[in-house]
Amino acid sequence: LTDGVFSGLTSLLYLYLNDNSIQILTDGVFSGLTTLAELYLQNNKIRVLPSGVFSQLTLTKLDLSENYIQSLPADISGLQLQDLAVSGNPWRCDCRLLGFITYLNRRDSI
């Protein structure tokens, strides 16, 4: 997926990209999706989430389950998610997950 591929879809609320063998997301791929509430990326082949990939979004639900993600970008804690699915990823338990763990500890439920 290239930067700005969805930029003309300014009223889009839900985006289902699951089961598409997506491997790479660039930091500008979701630019212009200012009303997007739910993003489904499960069952792809995503290994890395670049910093800022979700920064322009106002998501309430994000599904990243069943990919190859080992770490989450620190700025994911800036999202006001009500639902986050990350199961089925081969997490690397190191300091790169500290920001995400802190984020989870500050939330009552997610």
Protein backbone atom coordinates (compact mmCIF):
# COMPACT_ATOMS: atom_id res chain seq x y z
CA LEU A 1 0.00 0.00 0.00
CA THR A 2 1.37 3.38 -0.95
CA ASP A 3 1.21 6.67 0.94
CA GLY A 4 -2.14 8.40 0.62
CA VAL A 5 -3.82 5.51 -1.20
CA PHE A 6 -7.02 6.21 0.78
CA SER A 7 -6.74 10.02 0.81
CA GLY A 8 -9.92 10.64 -1.20
CA LEU A 9 -12.08 8.66 1.24
CA THR A 10 -12.56 11.42 3.80
CA SER A 11 -15.93 10.11 5.09
CA LEU A 12 -14.82 6.49 5.55
CA LEU A 13 -15.68 5.08 8.99
CA TYR A 14 -14.64 1.42 8.69
CA LEU A 15 -11.73 -0.07 6.77
CA TYR A 16 -11.34 -3.83 6.43
CA LEU A 17 -7.89 -4.81 5.16
CA ASN A 18 -7.78 -8.22 6.82
CA ASP A 19 -6.58 -11.34 4.98
CA ASN A 20 -4.73 -9.43 2.24
CA SER A 21 -1.12 -10.58 2.75
CA ILE A 22 -0.09 -6.98 3.51
CA GLN A 23 3.56 -6.91 4.53
CA ILE A 24 4.45 -3.23 4.74
CA LEU A 25 2.61 -0.15 5.97
CA THR A 26 4.22 3.24 5.35
CA ASP A 27 3.75 6.10 7.81
CA GLY A 28 1.49 8.00 5.38
CA VAL A 29 -0.68 5.16 4.13
CA PHE A 30 -3.72 6.25 6.16
CA SER A 31 -3.34 10.01 5.64
CA GLY A 32 -6.61 11.74 4.87
CA LEU A 33 -8.79 9.24 6.74
CA THR A 34 -9.83 11.82 9.32
CA THR A 35 -13.14 10.14 10.22
CA LEU A 36 -11.93 6.54 10.33
CA ALA A 37 -13.18 4.86 13.51
CA GLU A 38 -12.34 1.18 12.97
CA LEU A 39 -9.37 -0.38 11.21
CA TYR A 40 -9.04 -4.13 10.69
CA LEU A 41 -5.59 -5.39 9.72
CA GLN A 42 -5.74 -8.93 11.11
CA ASN A 43 -4.35 -11.99 9.34
CA ASN A 44 -1.78 -10.19 7.22
CA LYS A 45 2.01 -10.43 7.14
CA ILE A 46 2.85 -7.13 8.81
CA ARG A 47 6.18 -7.21 10.67
CA VAL A 48 6.82 -3.55 11.47
CA LEU A 49 4.55 -0.62 12.27
CA PRO A 50 6.38 2.62 11.51
CA SER A 51 6.16 5.44 14.01
CA GLY A 52 3.29 7.71 13.08
CA VAL A 53 1.39 5.20 10.95
CA PHE A 54 -1.79 5.79 13.01
CA SER A 55 -1.05 9.33 14.22
CA GLN A 56 -3.56 11.13 11.99
CA LEU A 57 -6.38 8.75 12.88
CA THR A 58 -9.11 8.97 15.52
CA LEU A 59 -9.62 5.23 15.86
CA THR A 60 -11.78 3.60 18.49
CA LYS A 61 -11.04 0.04 17.30
CA LEU A 62 -7.80 -1.38 15.90
CA ASP A 63 -7.25 -5.05 15.07
CA LEU A 64 -3.63 -6.07 14.49
CA SER A 65 -4.05 -9.72 15.48
CA GLU A 66 -2.42 -12.63 13.66
CA ASN A 67 0.46 -10.77 12.02
CA TYR A 68 4.23 -10.95 12.61
CA ILE A 69 4.48 -7.82 14.75
CA GLN A 70 7.13 -7.97 17.49
CA SER A 71 6.83 -4.43 18.82
CA LEU A 72 4.46 -1.46 18.66
CA PRO A 73 5.47 2.14 17.95
CA ALA A 74 5.61 4.34 21.05
CA ASP A 75 3.06 6.78 19.64
CA ILE A 76 0.32 4.15 19.69
CA SER A 77 -0.33 5.32 23.25
CA GLY A 78 -1.70 8.57 21.80
CA LEU A 79 -4.73 6.76 20.38
CA GLN A 80 -7.98 6.79 22.35
CA LEU A 81 -8.87 3.19 21.56
CA GLN A 82 -11.83 1.40 23.08
CA ASP A 83 -10.82 -1.92 21.52
CA LEU A 84 -7.35 -3.12 20.59
CA ALA A 85 -6.70 -6.66 19.34
CA VAL A 86 -3.06 -7.77 19.16
CA SER A 87 -3.17 -11.52 19.85
CA GLY A 88 -1.32 -14.01 17.70
CA ASN A 89 1.79 -11.90 17.16
CA PRO A 90 5.31 -13.06 18.11
CA TRP A 91 6.00 -10.30 20.65
CA ARG A 92 9.56 -9.49 21.56
CA CYS A 93 9.54 -8.79 25.28
CA ASP A 94 12.11 -6.02 25.57
CA CYS A 95 12.27 -2.31 26.33
CA ARG A 96 10.55 -1.39 23.05
CA LEU A 97 7.27 -2.62 24.54
CA LEU A 98 7.60 -0.45 27.66
CA GLY A 99 5.55 2.42 26.20
CA PHE A 100 2.78 0.04 25.22
CA ILE A 101 2.76 -1.66 28.63
CA THR A 102 2.59 1.74 30.34
CA TYR A 103 -0.33 2.66 28.07
CA LEU A 104 -2.18 -0.53 28.98
CA ASN A 105 -1.60 0.01 32.70
CA ARG A 106 -3.14 3.49 32.49
CA ARG A 107 -6.31 2.16 30.83
CA ASP A 108 -9.16 0.67 32.82
CA SER A 109 -10.08 -1.70 30.02
CA ILE A 110 -9.28 -2.11 26.38
